[in-house]
Amino acid sequence: QVQLVESGGGLVQSGGSLRLSCGVSGSIISIYAMGWFRQAPGKQRELIAGIARGGGTTYADSTKGRFTISRDNAKNTVYLQMNSLKPEDTAVYYCNRIVAGTGWSWGQGTQVTVSS
């Protein structure tokens, strides 16, 4: 069974930075595109950054230029460097593979709270 463990969230002031990590066990991430998602209160979960098997990256307009996704296949871990954080970035952040069908079961996520 695949387990996703997100970490690195916290409370930060507007303009600050955080680095999130997502450790994956029970599968290998090297064969998948991976993504970071977030869910703000009262909103649907959305994909905000993706990284292909070959390392190519894509971002939602809301995070482009501020967030950087990366992967370490040897550690089976995906990262999200978040800079210039804004209050609207407040959400629970999750990682998962990016597939046409159903992804893995979601982890517990990591809470990011940005104060103004």
Protein backbone atom coordinates (compact mmCIF):
# COMPACT_ATOMS: atom_id res chain seq x y z
CA GLN A 1 0.00 0.00 0.00
CA VAL A 2 1.36 3.37 -0.98
CA GLN A 3 1.75 5.97 1.75
CA LEU A 4 2.30 9.68 1.21
CA VAL A 5 3.72 11.75 4.06
CA GLU A 6 3.77 15.50 3.62
CA SER A 7 5.72 17.74 5.98
CA GLY A 8 7.22 21.20 6.30
CA GLY A 9 4.12 23.31 6.66
CA GLY A 10 3.60 25.92 9.33
CA LEU A 11 2.68 29.49 10.11
CA VAL A 12 4.58 32.15 8.20
CA GLN A 13 4.18 35.85 7.59
CA SER A 14 3.26 37.23 4.21
CA GLY A 15 6.38 37.34 2.03
CA GLY A 16 7.99 34.45 3.84
CA SER A 17 9.13 31.06 2.59
CA LEU A 18 8.55 27.41 3.35
CA ARG A 19 9.85 24.17 1.90
CA LEU A 20 7.50 21.23 1.81
CA SER A 21 8.54 17.61 1.49
CA CYS A 22 6.57 14.57 0.44
CA GLY A 23 7.97 11.14 1.18
CA VAL A 24 6.49 8.20 -0.69
CA SER A 25 6.65 4.59 0.45
CA GLY A 26 5.24 1.48 -1.18
CA SER A 27 5.98 2.58 -4.73
CA ILE A 28 8.69 4.34 -6.68
CA ILE A 29 8.08 7.86 -7.89
CA SER A 30 10.58 7.75 -10.74
CA ILE A 31 8.03 6.25 -13.13
CA TYR A 32 5.38 8.89 -12.43
CA ALA A 33 4.74 12.53 -12.95
CA MET A 34 4.24 13.98 -9.50
CA GLY A 35 2.34 16.98 -8.30
CA TRP A 36 1.57 19.21 -5.38
CA PHE A 37 -2.05 20.02 -4.68
CA ARG A 38 -3.72 22.26 -2.15
CA GLN A 39 -7.14 22.63 -0.63
CA ALA A 40 -8.22 25.87 0.97
CA PRO A 41 -11.22 26.00 3.32
CA GLY A 42 -14.45 25.73 1.38
CA LYS A 43 -12.68 25.10 -1.91
CA GLN A 44 -11.88 22.07 -4.02
CA ARG A 45 -8.43 20.55 -4.07
CA GLU A 46 -6.41 21.95 -6.95
CA LEU A 47 -3.17 21.02 -8.70
CA ILE A 48 -0.66 23.83 -8.27
CA ALA A 49 2.63 22.34 -9.49
CA GLY A 50 3.68 19.29 -11.45
CA ILE A 51 6.95 17.64 -12.37
CA ALA A 52 7.32 15.12 -15.17
CA ARG A 53 9.42 11.97 -15.03
CA GLY A 54 12.11 13.80 -16.98
CA GLY A 55 12.04 16.82 -14.70
CA GLY A 56 9.95 19.24 -16.74
CA THR A 57 7.74 21.41 -14.53
CA THR A 58 4.40 23.14 -14.83
CA TYR A 59 2.66 25.55 -12.48
CA ALA A 60 -0.73 27.03 -11.90
CA ASP A 61 -0.89 30.73 -12.69
CA SER A 62 -1.35 31.44 -8.98
CA THR A 63 2.02 29.90 -8.09
CA LYS A 64 4.13 30.54 -11.16
CA GLY A 65 7.30 32.46 -10.37
CA ARG A 66 6.98 31.92 -6.61
CA PHE A 67 6.90 28.14 -6.15
CA THR A 68 9.41 25.55 -7.35
CA ILE A 69 8.71 21.84 -7.47
CA SER A 70 11.56 19.34 -7.52
CA ARG A 71 12.08 15.64 -7.06
CA ASP A 72 14.74 13.32 -5.68
CA ASN A 73 14.02 9.90 -7.12
CA ALA A 74 16.78 8.30 -5.06
CA LYS A 75 15.02 9.45 -1.89
CA ASN A 76 11.54 8.85 -3.32
CA THR A 77 10.70 12.39 -2.27
CA VAL A 78 9.11 15.41 -3.90
CA TYR A 79 9.68 18.97 -2.71
CA LEU A 80 7.91 22.30 -3.02
CA GLN A 81 9.87 25.47 -2.35
CA MET A 82 7.43 28.28 -1.69
CA ASN A 83 8.63 31.87 -1.72
CA SER A 84 6.84 35.22 -1.49
CA LEU A 85 3.95 33.56 0.29
CA LYS A 86 0.61 35.33 0.35
CA PRO A 87 -2.41 34.93 2.67
CA GLU A 88 -4.29 33.33 -0.24
CA ASP A 89 -1.74 30.50 -0.21
CA THR A 90 -3.21 29.35 3.10
CA ALA A 91 -4.36 25.76 2.60
CA VAL A 92 -3.60 22.13 3.32
CA TYR A 93 -0.95 20.93 0.87
CA TYR A 94 -0.81 17.41 -0.53
CA CYS A 95 1.29 15.52 -3.03
CA ASN A 96 0.27 12.70 -5.34
CA ARG A 97 1.12 11.18 -8.66
CA ILE A 98 -0.40 12.79 -11.73
CA VAL A 99 -2.27 10.16 -13.73
CA ALA A 100 -5.28 10.06 -16.01
CA GLY A 101 -7.10 7.77 -13.62
CA THR A 102 -7.15 7.63 -9.84
CA GLY A 103 -4.07 8.67 -7.94
CA TRP A 104 -2.84 7.09 -4.76
CA SER A 105 -4.83 7.49 -1.56
CA TRP A 106 -4.21 10.96 -0.16
CA GLY A 107 -1.90 11.52 2.75
CA GLN A 108 -2.73 13.69 5.73
CA GLY A 109 -1.36 16.79 4.07
CA THR A 110 0.55 19.62 5.71
CA GLN A 111 -1.08 22.86 6.80
CA VAL A 112 0.33 26.13 5.50
CA THR A 113 -0.96 29.31 7.08
CA VAL A 114 0.17 32.71 5.83
CA SER A 115 -0.61 35.69 8.00
CA SER A 116 -0.96 39.18 6.59
